[in-house]
Amino acid sequence: MSEALGHVTRQGRKMMSVARITEINASGTSIENAIENGVARASQTLENIEQVWVKNVKAQIENGSVAEYRVDMKVTFVLKE
């Protein structure tokens, strides 16, 4: 799924960019940590990441307490010209 994003150049003209959205899953010791881990890993492969949307949050339970948080995210990145 792709969408067009408008960006303003230094000259003040509006240019259209094309972005792509990919879904990833990541885990961590907190929700924020899971998001940060997902963005850090995605950044190793994807360039021009603009935003993420957290679709779902889950918690892995062990011995009656939260052992790990898991997030399902949509990562939006702008395609190169």
C-alpha atoms as a PDB file:
ATOM      1  CA  MET A   1       0.000   0.000   0.000  1.00  0.00           C
ATOM      2  CA  SER A   2       1.465   3.378  -1.019  1.00  0.00           C
ATOM      3  CA  GLU A   3       0.374   6.928  -0.472  1.00  0.00           C
ATOM      4  CA  ALA A   4       1.506  10.309  -1.760  1.00  0.00           C
ATOM      5  CA  LEU A   5       3.023  12.750   0.718  1.00  0.00           C
ATOM      6  CA  GLY A   6       3.578  16.417   0.030  1.00  0.00           C
ATOM      7  CA  HIS A   7       6.852  18.013   1.041  1.00  0.00           C
ATOM      8  CA  VAL A   8       7.867  21.651   0.768  1.00  0.00           C
ATOM      9  CA  THR A   9      11.295  22.313  -0.732  1.00  0.00           C
ATOM     10  CA  ARG A  10      13.684  25.055   0.350  1.00  0.00           C
ATOM     11  CA  GLN A  11      12.405  27.174  -2.516  1.00  0.00           C
ATOM     12  CA  GLY A  12       8.873  26.897  -1.104  1.00  0.00           C
ATOM     13  CA  ARG A  13       7.541  24.731  -3.937  1.00  0.00           C
ATOM     14  CA  LYS A  14       5.494  21.697  -3.041  1.00  0.00           C
ATOM     15  CA  MET A  15       6.794  18.377  -4.380  1.00  0.00           C
ATOM     16  CA  MET A  16       4.958  15.086  -4.193  1.00  0.00           C
ATOM     17  CA  SER A  17       6.692  12.069  -2.751  1.00  0.00           C
ATOM     18  CA  VAL A  18       5.608   8.460  -2.806  1.00  0.00           C
ATOM     19  CA  ALA A  19       5.707   6.512   0.420  1.00  0.00           C
ATOM     20  CA  ARG A  20       5.457   2.818   1.101  1.00  0.00           C
ATOM     21  CA  ILE A  21       4.072   1.157   4.210  1.00  0.00           C
ATOM     22  CA  THR A  22       5.353  -2.140   5.549  1.00  0.00           C
ATOM     23  CA  GLU A  23       4.272  -4.049   8.637  1.00  0.00           C
ATOM     24  CA  ILE A  24       6.720  -5.315  11.236  1.00  0.00           C
ATOM     25  CA  ASN A  25       6.595  -6.938  14.664  1.00  0.00           C
ATOM     26  CA  ALA A  26       9.014  -6.058  17.459  1.00  0.00           C
ATOM     27  CA  SER A  27       9.480  -6.850  21.132  1.00  0.00           C
ATOM     28  CA  GLY A  28      11.023  -5.209  24.175  1.00  0.00           C
ATOM     29  CA  THR A  29      10.958  -4.722  27.925  1.00  0.00           C
ATOM     30  CA  SER A  30       8.334  -1.944  27.639  1.00  0.00           C
ATOM     31  CA  ILE A  31       5.989  -0.715  24.935  1.00  0.00           C
ATOM     32  CA  GLU A  32       8.305   2.199  24.198  1.00  0.00           C
ATOM     33  CA  ASN A  33      11.313  -0.126  24.093  1.00  0.00           C
ATOM     34  CA  ALA A  34       9.533  -2.454  21.680  1.00  0.00           C
ATOM     35  CA  ILE A  35       8.733   0.491  19.375  1.00  0.00           C
ATOM     36  CA  GLU A  36      12.324   1.752  19.573  1.00  0.00           C
ATOM     37  CA  ASN A  37      13.661  -1.742  18.827  1.00  0.00           C
ATOM     38  CA  GLY A  38      11.372  -2.036  15.804  1.00  0.00           C
ATOM     39  CA  VAL A  39      12.354   1.377  14.431  1.00  0.00           C
ATOM     40  CA  ALA A  40      16.073   0.704  15.018  1.00  0.00           C
ATOM     41  CA  ARG A  41      15.878  -2.609  13.190  1.00  0.00           C
ATOM     42  CA  ALA A  42      13.771  -1.238  10.337  1.00  0.00           C
ATOM     43  CA  SER A  43      16.285   1.616   9.944  1.00  0.00           C
ATOM     44  CA  GLN A  44      19.005  -0.931   9.168  1.00  0.00           C
ATOM     45  CA  THR A  45      17.126  -1.923   6.000  1.00  0.00           C
ATOM     46  CA  LEU A  46      14.788   0.964   5.159  1.00  0.00           C
ATOM     47  CA  GLU A  47      15.738   4.560   4.421  1.00  0.00           C
ATOM     48  CA  ASN A  48      13.659   7.712   4.900  1.00  0.00           C
ATOM     49  CA  ILE A  49      11.380   6.365   7.633  1.00  0.00           C
ATOM     50  CA  GLU A  50       8.805   9.059   8.356  1.00  0.00           C
ATOM     51  CA  GLN A  51       6.535   7.500  10.966  1.00  0.00           C
ATOM     52  CA  VAL A  52       5.174   4.360  12.560  1.00  0.00           C
ATOM     53  CA  TRP A  53       1.660   3.441  13.554  1.00  0.00           C
ATOM     54  CA  VAL A  54       1.326   0.937  16.380  1.00  0.00           C
ATOM     55  CA  LYS A  55      -1.610  -1.282  15.434  1.00  0.00           C
ATOM     56  CA  ASN A  56      -1.508  -3.739  18.280  1.00  0.00           C
ATOM     57  CA  VAL A  57       0.218  -4.266  21.625  1.00  0.00           C
ATOM     58  CA  LYS A  58       0.546  -7.650  23.290  1.00  0.00           C
ATOM     59  CA  ALA A  59       2.263  -8.777  26.473  1.00  0.00           C
ATOM     60  CA  GLN A  60       3.917 -12.149  26.949  1.00  0.00           C
ATOM     61  CA  ILE A  61       3.178 -13.438  30.454  1.00  0.00           C
ATOM     62  CA  GLU A  62       5.491 -15.730  32.411  1.00  0.00           C
ATOM     63  CA  ASN A  63       4.911 -16.791  36.014  1.00  0.00           C
ATOM     64  CA  GLY A  64       2.082 -14.308  36.451  1.00  0.00           C
ATOM     65  CA  SER A  65       3.924 -11.180  35.280  1.00  0.00           C
ATOM     66  CA  VAL A  66       4.805  -9.442  32.034  1.00  0.00           C
ATOM     67  CA  ALA A  67       8.002 -10.861  30.561  1.00  0.00           C
ATOM     68  CA  GLU A  68       7.967  -9.039  27.212  1.00  0.00           C
ATOM     69  CA  TYR A  69       5.895  -6.570  25.228  1.00  0.00           C
ATOM     70  CA  ARG A  70       5.218  -7.119  21.535  1.00  0.00           C
ATOM     71  CA  VAL A  71       4.013  -4.497  19.065  1.00  0.00           C
ATOM     72  CA  ASP A  72       2.658  -4.798  15.544  1.00  0.00           C
ATOM     73  CA  MET A  73       3.557  -1.642  13.600  1.00  0.00           C
ATOM     74  CA  LYS A  74       3.098  -0.103  10.185  1.00  0.00           C
ATOM     75  CA  VAL A  75       6.278   1.697   9.122  1.00  0.00           C
ATOM     76  CA  THR A  76       5.961   4.495   6.547  1.00  0.00           C
ATOM     77  CA  PHE A  77       9.037   5.368   4.497  1.00  0.00           C
ATOM     78  CA  VAL A  78       9.480   7.659   1.504  1.00  0.00           C
ATOM     79  CA  LEU A  79      10.771   6.068  -1.677  1.00  0.00           C
ATOM     80  CA  LYS A  80      13.838   7.571  -3.329  1.00  0.00           C
ATOM     81  CA  GLU A  81      13.258   9.839  -6.317  1.00  0.00           C
END
